[in-house]
C-alpha atoms as a PDB file:
ATOM      1  CA  MET A   1     -64.725  47.621  33.831  1.00  0.00           C
ATOM      2  CA  HIS A   2     -61.119  46.807  33.350  1.00  0.00           C
ATOM      3  CA  ARG A   3     -58.550  49.161  34.578  1.00  0.00           C
ATOM      4  CA  SER A   4     -57.110  49.256  31.104  1.00  0.00           C
ATOM      5  CA  HIS A   5     -60.383  50.315  29.533  1.00  0.00           C
ATOM      6  CA  TYR A   6     -60.249  52.695  26.410  1.00  0.00           C
ATOM      7  CA  GLY A   7     -60.061  56.297  27.262  1.00  0.00           C
ATOM      8  CA  THR A   8     -62.520  57.275  24.377  1.00  0.00           C
ATOM      9  CA  TYR A   9     -65.756  55.595  23.264  1.00  0.00           C
ATOM     10  CA  LEU A  10     -67.325  56.650  20.102  1.00  0.00           C
ATOM     11  CA  PHE A  11     -70.730  55.239  19.329  1.00  0.00           C
ATOM     12  CA  ASP A  12     -72.898  54.718  16.142  1.00  0.00           C
ATOM     13  CA  LEU A  13     -76.458  55.440  16.925  1.00  0.00           C
ATOM     14  CA  ASP A  14     -79.155  53.429  15.157  1.00  0.00           C
ATOM     15  CA  GLY A  15     -78.515  49.760  15.525  1.00  0.00           C
ATOM     16  CA  THR A  16     -75.895  50.278  18.098  1.00  0.00           C
ATOM     17  CA  LEU A  17     -77.352  52.324  20.905  1.00  0.00           C
ATOM     18  CA  ILE A  18     -80.875  52.584  19.669  1.00  0.00           C
ATOM     19  CA  ASP A  19     -83.200  50.145  18.224  1.00  0.00           C
ATOM     20  CA  SER A  20     -84.602  51.749  15.184  1.00  0.00           C
ATOM     21  CA  THR A  21     -84.567  49.101  12.560  1.00  0.00           C
ATOM     22  CA  GLY A  22     -88.280  48.810  12.567  1.00  0.00           C
ATOM     23  CA  LEU A  23     -88.829  52.340  11.898  1.00  0.00           C
ATOM     24  CA  ILE A  24     -86.185  52.543   9.313  1.00  0.00           C
ATOM     25  CA  MET A  25     -87.833  49.555   7.344  1.00  0.00           C
ATOM     26  CA  GLU A  26     -91.369  50.959   7.706  1.00  0.00           C
ATOM     27  CA  ALA A  27     -90.271  54.403   6.514  1.00  0.00           C
ATOM     28  CA  PHE A  28     -88.699  52.992   3.490  1.00  0.00           C
ATOM     29  CA  ARG A  29     -91.805  50.886   2.762  1.00  0.00           C
ATOM     30  CA  HIS A  30     -93.892  53.974   2.954  1.00  0.00           C
ATOM     31  CA  ALA A  31     -91.768  56.065   0.856  1.00  0.00           C
ATOM     32  CA  LEU A  32     -91.829  53.351  -1.932  1.00  0.00           C
ATOM     33  CA  ARG A  33     -95.433  52.806  -1.755  1.00  0.00           C
ATOM     34  CA  THR A  34     -96.220  56.509  -1.710  1.00  0.00           C
ATOM     35  CA  THR A  35     -93.843  57.276  -4.551  1.00  0.00           C
ATOM     36  CA  PHE A  36     -94.349  54.341  -6.919  1.00  0.00           C
ATOM     37  CA  GLY A  37     -97.736  52.781  -5.646  1.00  0.00           C
ATOM     38  CA  LEU A  38     -95.984  49.364  -5.125  1.00  0.00           C
ATOM     39  CA  GLU A  39     -94.616  47.307  -2.322  1.00  0.00           C
ATOM     40  CA  PRO A  40     -90.850  46.925  -2.159  1.00  0.00           C
ATOM     41  CA  SER A  41     -89.615  43.588  -3.465  1.00  0.00           C
ATOM     42  CA  SER A  42     -87.261  41.424  -1.166  1.00  0.00           C
ATOM     43  CA  ASP A  43     -84.468  42.459  -3.331  1.00  0.00           C
ATOM     44  CA  GLN A  44     -85.207  46.191  -2.781  1.00  0.00           C
ATOM     45  CA  GLU A  45     -85.185  45.389   0.878  1.00  0.00           C
ATOM     46  CA  ARG A  46     -82.039  43.733   0.906  1.00  0.00           C
ATOM     47  CA  ARG A  47     -80.257  46.490  -0.929  1.00  0.00           C
ATOM     48  CA  TRP A  48     -81.791  49.027   1.564  1.00  0.00           C
ATOM     49  CA  ARG A  49     -80.432  47.115   4.438  1.00  0.00           C
ATOM     50  CA  GLU A  50     -76.948  46.957   2.775  1.00  0.00           C
ATOM     51  CA  GLY A  51     -76.947  50.827   3.096  1.00  0.00           C
ATOM     52  CA  PHE A  52     -77.640  50.843   6.752  1.00  0.00           C
ATOM     53  CA  GLY A  53     -75.443  53.288   8.458  1.00  0.00           C
ATOM     54  CA  THR A  54     -74.957  55.622   5.461  1.00  0.00           C
ATOM     55  CA  PRO A  55     -76.625  58.911   4.620  1.00  0.00           C
ATOM     56  CA  LEU A  56     -80.314  58.871   3.648  1.00  0.00           C
ATOM     57  CA  ARG A  57     -80.306  60.542   0.170  1.00  0.00           C
ATOM     58  CA  PRO A  58     -77.476  58.492  -1.349  1.00  0.00           C
ATOM     59  CA  GLN A  59     -79.536  55.158   0.078  1.00  0.00           C
ATOM     60  CA  LEU A  60     -82.746  56.303  -1.610  1.00  0.00           C
ATOM     61  CA  ALA A  61     -80.965  57.376  -4.931  1.00  0.00           C
ATOM     62  CA  LYS A  62     -80.435  53.725  -5.667  1.00  0.00           C
ATOM     63  CA  PHE A  63     -84.262  53.347  -6.071  1.00  0.00           C
ATOM     64  CA  SER A  64     -85.070  56.444  -7.879  1.00  0.00           C
ATOM     65  CA  GLU A  65     -84.607  57.231 -11.785  1.00  0.00           C
ATOM     66  CA  SER A  66     -84.835  61.132 -11.433  1.00  0.00           C
ATOM     67  CA  ASP A  67     -84.135  63.984  -9.173  1.00  0.00           C
ATOM     68  CA  ASP A  68     -88.029  64.531  -8.609  1.00  0.00           C
ATOM     69  CA  GLN A  69     -88.369  60.801  -7.631  1.00  0.00           C
ATOM     70  CA  LEU A  70     -85.588  61.113  -5.249  1.00  0.00           C
ATOM     71  CA  ASN A  71     -86.757  64.388  -3.729  1.00  0.00           C
ATOM     72  CA  GLU A  72     -90.236  62.678  -3.311  1.00  0.00           C
ATOM     73  CA  LEU A  73     -88.649  59.626  -1.715  1.00  0.00           C
ATOM     74  CA  VAL A  74     -86.682  61.586   0.588  1.00  0.00           C
ATOM     75  CA  GLU A  75     -89.418  63.920   1.785  1.00  0.00           C
ATOM     76  CA  THR A  76     -91.738  61.182   2.378  1.00  0.00           C
ATOM     77  CA  TYR A  77     -89.238  59.185   4.364  1.00  0.00           C
ATOM     78  CA  LYS A  78     -88.482  62.000   6.424  1.00  0.00           C
ATOM     79  CA  SER A  79     -92.137  62.963   7.185  1.00  0.00           C
ATOM     80  CA  TYR A  80     -92.985  59.305   8.268  1.00  0.00           C
ATOM     81  CA  THR A  81     -89.799  59.266  10.303  1.00  0.00           C
ATOM     82  CA  ALA A  82     -90.628  62.630  12.162  1.00  0.00           C
ATOM     83  CA  MET A  83     -94.189  61.326  12.738  1.00  0.00           C
ATOM     84  CA  HIS A  84     -93.487  57.961  14.198  1.00  0.00           C
ATOM     85  CA  HIS A  85     -89.843  58.473  15.516  1.00  0.00           C
ATOM     86  CA  ASP A  86     -90.554  59.002  19.435  1.00  0.00           C
ATOM     87  CA  ARG A  87     -93.253  56.175  19.371  1.00  0.00           C
ATOM     88  CA  VAL A  88     -91.221  53.367  17.776  1.00  0.00           C
ATOM     89  CA  ILE A  89     -87.484  53.827  18.814  1.00  0.00           C
ATOM     90  CA  SER A  90     -86.038  52.471  22.234  1.00  0.00           C
ATOM     91  CA  SER A  91     -82.523  51.999  23.624  1.00  0.00           C
ATOM     92  CA  TYR A  92     -81.354  48.400  23.584  1.00  0.00           C
ATOM     93  CA  LEU A  93     -81.921  46.383  26.718  1.00  0.00           C
ATOM     94  CA  GLY A  94     -79.194  47.165  29.149  1.00  0.00           C
ATOM     95  CA  MET A  95     -77.554  49.926  27.049  1.00  0.00           C
ATOM     96  CA  ASN A  96     -78.457  52.758  29.364  1.00  0.00           C
ATOM     97  CA  GLU A  97     -76.829  51.091  32.336  1.00  0.00           C
ATOM     98  CA  VAL A  98     -73.689  50.488  30.201  1.00  0.00           C
ATOM     99  CA  VAL A  99     -73.299  54.191  28.960  1.00  0.00           C
ATOM    100  CA  HIS A 100     -74.049  55.288  32.705  1.00  0.00           C
ATOM    101  CA  ASN A 101     -71.133  53.117  33.863  1.00  0.00           C
ATOM    102  CA  LEU A 102     -68.807  54.399  31.171  1.00  0.00           C
ATOM    103  CA  SER A 103     -69.710  57.927  32.099  1.00  0.00           C
ATOM    104  CA  GLN A 104     -69.110  57.080  35.724  1.00  0.00           C
ATOM    105  CA  ALA A 105     -65.780  55.558  34.779  1.00  0.00           C
ATOM    106  CA  GLY A 106     -64.654  59.093  33.529  1.00  0.00           C
ATOM    107  CA  VAL A 107     -64.070  58.268  29.899  1.00  0.00           C
ATOM    108  CA  GLN A 108     -64.893  60.296  26.877  1.00  0.00           C
ATOM    109  CA  LEU A 109     -67.980  59.698  24.922  1.00  0.00           C
ATOM    110  CA  ALA A 110     -69.267  60.834  21.501  1.00  0.00           C
ATOM    111  CA  ILE A 111     -71.818  59.823  18.955  1.00  0.00           C
ATOM    112  CA  VAL A 112     -70.820  59.396  15.176  1.00  0.00           C
ATOM    113  CA  THR A 113     -73.993  58.890  13.119  1.00  0.00           C
ATOM    114  CA  SER A 114     -75.301  59.354   9.536  1.00  0.00           C
ATOM    115  CA  LYS A 115     -78.367  60.957  10.961  1.00  0.00           C
ATOM    116  CA  THR A 116     -78.838  64.555  11.150  1.00  0.00           C
ATOM    117  CA  HIS A 117     -77.551  66.162  14.326  1.00  0.00           C
ATOM    118  CA  LEU A 118     -81.123  67.387  15.359  1.00  0.00           C
ATOM    119  CA  LEU A 119     -82.690  63.882  14.711  1.00  0.00           C
ATOM    120  CA  ALA A 120     -79.662  62.120  16.643  1.00  0.00           C
ATOM    121  CA  ARG A 121     -80.400  64.423  19.519  1.00  0.00           C
ATOM    122  CA  ARG A 122     -83.996  63.566  19.715  1.00  0.00           C
ATOM    123  CA  GLY A 123     -83.375  60.088  19.466  1.00  0.00           C
ATOM    124  CA  LEU A 124     -80.840  60.378  22.478  1.00  0.00           C
ATOM    125  CA  GLU A 125     -83.272  62.389  24.328  1.00  0.00           C
ATOM    126  CA  ARG A 126     -86.323  60.034  23.781  1.00  0.00           C
ATOM    127  CA  CYS A 127     -84.043  57.114  25.104  1.00  0.00           C
ATOM    128  CA  GLU A 128     -82.780  59.075  28.101  1.00  0.00           C
ATOM    129  CA  LEU A 129     -79.187  59.128  26.875  1.00  0.00           C
ATOM    130  CA  ASN A 130     -78.726  62.529  25.726  1.00  0.00           C
ATOM    131  CA  GLU A 131     -77.050  63.765  29.099  1.00  0.00           C
ATOM    132  CA  TYR A 132     -74.015  61.453  28.645  1.00  0.00           C
ATOM    133  CA  PHE A 133     -72.975  62.723  25.158  1.00  0.00           C
ATOM    134  CA  ASP A 134     -71.685  66.241  24.883  1.00  0.00           C
ATOM    135  CA  ILE A 135     -70.438  65.611  21.308  1.00  0.00           C
ATOM    136  CA  VAL A 136     -72.503  64.352  18.482  1.00  0.00           C
ATOM    137  CA  ILE A 137     -71.060  64.383  14.957  1.00  0.00           C
ATOM    138  CA  GLY A 138     -74.163  64.087  12.591  1.00  0.00           C
ATOM    139  CA  MET A 139     -74.465  63.777   8.878  1.00  0.00           C
ATOM    140  CA  ASP A 140     -74.548  67.690   8.674  1.00  0.00           C
ATOM    141  CA  ASP A 141     -71.746  68.242  10.662  1.00  0.00           C
ATOM    142  CA  VAL A 142     -69.202  66.911   8.053  1.00  0.00           C
ATOM    143  CA  GLU A 143     -68.817  66.925   4.452  1.00  0.00           C
ATOM    144  CA  LYS A 144     -67.747  63.239   4.088  1.00  0.00           C
ATOM    145  CA  HIS A 145     -69.835  60.429   5.657  1.00  0.00           C
ATOM    146  CA  LYS A 146     -69.101  56.824   6.746  1.00  0.00           C
ATOM    147  CA  PRO A 147     -67.424  54.664   5.419  1.00  0.00           C
ATOM    148  CA  ASP A 148     -65.013  57.574   5.019  1.00  0.00           C
ATOM    149  CA  PRO A 149     -63.173  58.270   8.395  1.00  0.00           C
ATOM    150  CA  ALA A 150     -64.227  61.970   8.336  1.00  0.00           C
ATOM    151  CA  PRO A 151     -66.872  61.922  11.010  1.00  0.00           C
ATOM    152  CA  VAL A 152     -64.751  59.689  13.411  1.00  0.00           C
ATOM    153  CA  LEU A 153     -61.716  62.104  13.033  1.00  0.00           C
ATOM    154  CA  ALA A 154     -64.050  64.818  13.624  1.00  0.00           C
ATOM    155  CA  ALA A 155     -65.263  63.417  16.851  1.00  0.00           C
ATOM    156  CA  LEU A 156     -61.662  62.660  18.014  1.00  0.00           C
ATOM    157  CA  THR A 157     -60.918  66.314  17.115  1.00  0.00           C
ATOM    158  CA  ARG A 158     -63.870  67.714  19.231  1.00  0.00           C
ATOM    159  CA  LEU A 159     -62.595  65.422  22.130  1.00  0.00           C
ATOM    160  CA  SER A 160     -59.063  66.196  21.789  1.00  0.00           C
ATOM    161  CA  ALA A 161     -58.511  62.442  21.872  1.00  0.00           C
ATOM    162  CA  HIS A 162     -55.835  60.398  20.256  1.00  0.00           C
ATOM    163  CA  PRO A 163     -56.915  57.522  18.034  1.00  0.00           C
ATOM    164  CA  THR A 164     -54.863  54.947  19.915  1.00  0.00           C
ATOM    165  CA  SER A 165     -56.896  55.607  23.030  1.00  0.00           C
ATOM    166  CA  ALA A 166     -60.194  55.220  21.116  1.00  0.00           C
ATOM    167  CA  VAL A 167     -62.683  52.496  19.974  1.00  0.00           C
ATOM    168  CA  PHE A 168     -65.653  53.021  17.644  1.00  0.00           C
ATOM    169  CA  ILE A 169     -68.482  50.766  18.206  1.00  0.00           C
ATOM    170  CA  GLY A 170     -70.988  50.156  15.486  1.00  0.00           C
ATOM    171  CA  ASP A 171     -73.437  47.540  13.743  1.00  0.00           C
ATOM    172  CA  SER A 172     -72.506  48.069  10.233  1.00  0.00           C
ATOM    173  CA  PRO A 173     -69.437  47.267   8.082  1.00  0.00           C
ATOM    174  CA  HIS A 174     -69.246  50.958   7.220  1.00  0.00           C
ATOM    175  CA  ASP A 175     -68.589  51.821  10.913  1.00  0.00           C
ATOM    176  CA  VAL A 176     -65.706  49.322  11.002  1.00  0.00           C
ATOM    177  CA  ILE A 177     -64.211  50.729   7.769  1.00  0.00           C
ATOM    178  CA  ALA A 178     -64.436  54.291   8.959  1.00  0.00           C
ATOM    179  CA  GLY A 179     -63.090  53.453  12.143  1.00  0.00           C
ATOM    180  CA  HIS A 180     -60.156  51.524  10.616  1.00  0.00           C
ATOM    181  CA  GLY A 181     -59.529  54.664   8.315  1.00  0.00           C
ATOM    182  CA  ALA A 182     -59.458  56.932  11.471  1.00  0.00           C
ATOM    183  CA  GLY A 183     -56.803  54.711  13.119  1.00  0.00           C
ATOM    184  CA  VAL A 184     -58.914  53.783  15.975  1.00  0.00           C
ATOM    185  CA  ASP A 185     -59.978  50.078  17.435  1.00  0.00           C
ATOM    186  CA  THR A 186     -63.352  48.997  16.196  1.00  0.00           C
ATOM    187  CA  ALA A 187     -66.032  47.010  17.797  1.00  0.00           C
ATOM    188  CA  ALA A 188     -68.831  45.364  15.822  1.00  0.00           C
ATOM    189  CA  VAL A 189     -72.044  44.631  17.610  1.00  0.00           C
ATOM    190  CA  LEU A 190     -74.432  41.643  16.872  1.00  0.00           C
ATOM    191  CA  TRP A 191     -77.598  43.035  17.867  1.00  0.00           C
ATOM    192  CA  GLY A 192     -78.133  45.643  14.962  1.00  0.00           C
ATOM    193  CA  GLY A 193     -78.762  45.167  11.291  1.00  0.00           C
ATOM    194  CA  PHE A 194     -75.891  42.881  10.013  1.00  0.00           C
ATOM    195  CA  ALA A 195     -75.033  39.420  10.374  1.00  0.00           C
ATOM    196  CA  ARG A 196     -71.611  38.150  12.085  1.00  0.00           C
ATOM    197  CA  GLU A 197     -70.292  37.097   8.708  1.00  0.00           C
ATOM    198  CA  VAL A 198     -70.775  40.543   7.090  1.00  0.00           C
ATOM    199  CA  LEU A 199     -69.060  42.380   9.975  1.00  0.00           C
ATOM    200  CA  GLU A 200     -66.151  40.024  10.380  1.00  0.00           C
ATOM    201  CA  LYS A 201     -65.180  40.479   6.827  1.00  0.00           C
ATOM    202  CA  GLU A 202     -63.998  43.899   7.704  1.00  0.00           C
ATOM    203  CA  SER A 203     -61.740  42.615  10.583  1.00  0.00           C
ATOM    204  CA  PRO A 204     -63.066  44.334  13.644  1.00  0.00           C
ATOM    205  CA  ARG A 205     -60.915  44.212  16.757  1.00  0.00           C
ATOM    206  CA  HIS A 206     -63.991  43.248  18.851  1.00  0.00           C
ATOM    207  CA  VAL A 207     -67.038  41.490  18.186  1.00  0.00           C
ATOM    208  CA  LEU A 208     -69.687  42.129  20.787  1.00  0.00           C
ATOM    209  CA  SER A 209     -72.685  39.775  21.511  1.00  0.00           C
ATOM    210  CA  THR A 210     -74.587  41.970  24.134  1.00  0.00           C
ATOM    211  CA  PRO A 211     -74.257  45.625  25.284  1.00  0.00           C
ATOM    212  CA  ALA A 212     -72.724  44.440  28.570  1.00  0.00           C
ATOM    213  CA  ASP A 213     -69.695  43.250  26.570  1.00  0.00           C
ATOM    214  CA  ILE A 214     -68.857  46.824  25.784  1.00  0.00           C
ATOM    215  CA  LEU A 215     -67.640  47.176  29.328  1.00  0.00           C
ATOM    216  CA  GLU A 216     -65.190  44.283  29.169  1.00  0.00           C
ATOM    217  CA  MET A 217     -63.256  45.254  25.969  1.00  0.00           C
ATOM    218  CA  VAL A 218     -59.530  45.673  26.571  1.00  0.00           C
ATOM    219  CA  PRO A 219     -57.373  47.588  24.134  1.00  0.00           C
END
């Protein structure tokens, strides 16, 4: 790592540290099949992907016409995820080594995710990353969610970290917008759910092609 590395690294979880895209898509398809008896259309899948990185209930609300439908979609999605989560997810190749190196360098680490706190911890444990993150800000830890800066600010507060010493690393435009709003540097990763051109529209400070690039970032 460069001597002038950041003092605080905030990570999104899904699509950044953990490869869960397959699970997220399959849970969505299962929820729509179960609730409506139909396979989701390509347009519905596109709209679903656009919401990656935001809380589940508002995402699924786009596909329901009543509270009862929404409740069924949410519960069906959650039950499918709970059943298949540990079998399907994994950390991205090289990510565990990157996080270990950051920890050894003495920097502060935290997770900022739209998952629930409990499920985020479960994913970290499954991918052997839990020991590195004392701080996890999940959907149920804050009232406002990405792209609002509130969860990023909550992580900074818990770490007693200043925004100018921090970088928020994520795979969605919602992560970049939240980071900008919190006054931290932002890094958009290209191994998650969004294309480069979508991410670059939000002007991240860094665009990363591989996990190893995280160690090369300079403020």
